N, C-alpha and C. Protein backbone atom coordinates (compact mmCIF):
# COMPACT_ATOMS: atom_id res chain seq x y z
N MET A 1 1.14 -15.99 -5.33
CA MET A 1 0.49 -14.96 -6.11
C MET A 1 1.01 -13.60 -5.67
N SER A 2 1.26 -12.74 -6.61
CA SER A 2 1.71 -11.40 -6.26
C SER A 2 0.61 -10.41 -6.64
N ALA A 3 0.65 -9.27 -5.98
CA ALA A 3 -0.33 -8.22 -6.24
C ALA A 3 0.41 -6.92 -6.49
N PHE A 4 -0.09 -6.13 -7.41
CA PHE A 4 0.47 -4.81 -7.64
C PHE A 4 -0.30 -3.83 -6.78
N LEU A 5 0.42 -3.09 -5.95
CA LEU A 5 -0.19 -2.11 -5.06
C LEU A 5 0.19 -0.71 -5.52
N ASP A 6 -0.77 0.17 -5.55
CA ASP A 6 -0.50 1.57 -5.85
C ASP A 6 0.26 2.18 -4.68
N SER A 7 1.08 3.16 -4.94
CA SER A 7 1.87 3.78 -3.88
C SER A 7 0.99 4.38 -2.78
N SER A 8 -0.25 4.74 -3.10
CA SER A 8 -1.14 5.29 -2.08
C SER A 8 -1.48 4.24 -1.01
N VAL A 9 -1.47 2.96 -1.39
CA VAL A 9 -1.70 1.88 -0.42
C VAL A 9 -0.53 1.82 0.55
N LEU A 10 0.68 1.97 0.03
CA LEU A 10 1.87 1.96 0.88
C LEU A 10 1.84 3.12 1.87
N VAL A 11 1.49 4.30 1.39
CA VAL A 11 1.42 5.48 2.27
C VAL A 11 0.36 5.27 3.35
N ALA A 12 -0.81 4.79 2.98
CA ALA A 12 -1.88 4.56 3.96
C ALA A 12 -1.49 3.49 4.97
N ALA A 13 -0.74 2.49 4.54
CA ALA A 13 -0.28 1.45 5.46
C ALA A 13 0.69 1.99 6.50
N LEU A 14 1.44 3.00 6.13
CA LEU A 14 2.44 3.57 7.04
C LEU A 14 1.91 4.70 7.91
N ALA A 15 0.74 5.23 7.59
CA ALA A 15 0.18 6.37 8.32
C ALA A 15 -1.01 5.91 9.16
N PRO A 16 -0.81 5.74 10.46
CA PRO A 16 -1.86 5.20 11.31
C PRO A 16 -3.13 6.05 11.39
N ASP A 17 -3.06 7.32 11.02
CA ASP A 17 -4.25 8.16 11.07
C ASP A 17 -5.09 8.11 9.79
N GLU A 18 -4.63 7.35 8.78
CA GLU A 18 -5.39 7.18 7.54
C GLU A 18 -6.61 6.30 7.81
N SER A 19 -7.73 6.61 7.17
CA SER A 19 -8.97 5.86 7.42
C SER A 19 -8.86 4.40 6.97
N LYS A 20 -8.06 4.11 5.98
CA LYS A 20 -7.92 2.73 5.47
C LYS A 20 -6.62 2.08 5.92
N HIS A 21 -6.02 2.60 7.00
CA HIS A 21 -4.73 2.11 7.47
C HIS A 21 -4.72 0.60 7.71
N ALA A 22 -5.69 0.09 8.45
CA ALA A 22 -5.69 -1.33 8.81
C ALA A 22 -5.78 -2.22 7.58
N ALA A 23 -6.66 -1.87 6.65
CA ALA A 23 -6.82 -2.68 5.44
C ALA A 23 -5.57 -2.64 4.58
N CYS A 24 -4.98 -1.47 4.43
CA CYS A 24 -3.77 -1.33 3.61
C CYS A 24 -2.58 -2.02 4.25
N LEU A 25 -2.48 -1.93 5.57
CA LEU A 25 -1.39 -2.61 6.27
C LEU A 25 -1.53 -4.12 6.11
N ALA A 26 -2.75 -4.63 6.19
CA ALA A 26 -2.97 -6.07 6.02
C ALA A 26 -2.54 -6.52 4.63
N LEU A 27 -2.85 -5.73 3.60
CA LEU A 27 -2.42 -6.07 2.24
C LEU A 27 -0.91 -6.09 2.14
N LEU A 28 -0.27 -5.12 2.74
CA LEU A 28 1.19 -5.02 2.68
C LEU A 28 1.86 -6.19 3.40
N LEU A 29 1.31 -6.59 4.54
CA LEU A 29 1.90 -7.65 5.34
C LEU A 29 1.70 -9.04 4.74
N GLN A 30 0.84 -9.18 3.75
CA GLN A 30 0.66 -10.47 3.09
C GLN A 30 1.92 -10.91 2.35
N GLY A 31 2.72 -9.94 1.96
CA GLY A 31 3.96 -10.24 1.25
C GLY A 31 3.73 -10.53 -0.22
N GLY A 32 4.82 -10.64 -0.97
CA GLY A 32 4.75 -10.95 -2.39
C GLY A 32 4.17 -9.83 -3.24
N ASN A 33 4.25 -8.61 -2.74
CA ASN A 33 3.66 -7.48 -3.46
C ASN A 33 4.68 -6.75 -4.32
N CYS A 34 4.17 -6.12 -5.36
CA CYS A 34 4.95 -5.20 -6.17
C CYS A 34 4.30 -3.83 -5.99
N ILE A 35 5.11 -2.82 -5.83
CA ILE A 35 4.58 -1.47 -5.63
C ILE A 35 4.59 -0.72 -6.95
N TYR A 36 3.44 -0.18 -7.31
CA TYR A 36 3.32 0.66 -8.49
C TYR A 36 3.48 2.10 -8.04
N SER A 37 4.49 2.76 -8.54
CA SER A 37 4.76 4.13 -8.15
C SER A 37 4.75 5.03 -9.37
N HIS A 38 4.18 6.21 -9.22
CA HIS A 38 4.15 7.15 -10.32
C HIS A 38 4.38 8.54 -9.77
N ALA A 39 4.81 9.40 -10.63
CA ALA A 39 5.10 10.77 -10.21
C ALA A 39 4.38 11.74 -11.15
N LEU A 40 3.92 12.80 -10.58
CA LEU A 40 3.31 13.84 -11.39
C LEU A 40 4.34 14.92 -11.63
N LEU A 41 4.50 15.30 -12.86
CA LEU A 41 5.48 16.35 -13.20
C LEU A 41 4.80 17.61 -13.59
């Protein structure tokens, strides 16, 4: 099964001072993820 992750989950997984770091890192380490990325113009 794959999961689509918002780019904010990726950022939180990489930033240890984020309040949701552990949960986001666990999601990322499960593997099989697709990252949803968007940009504001």
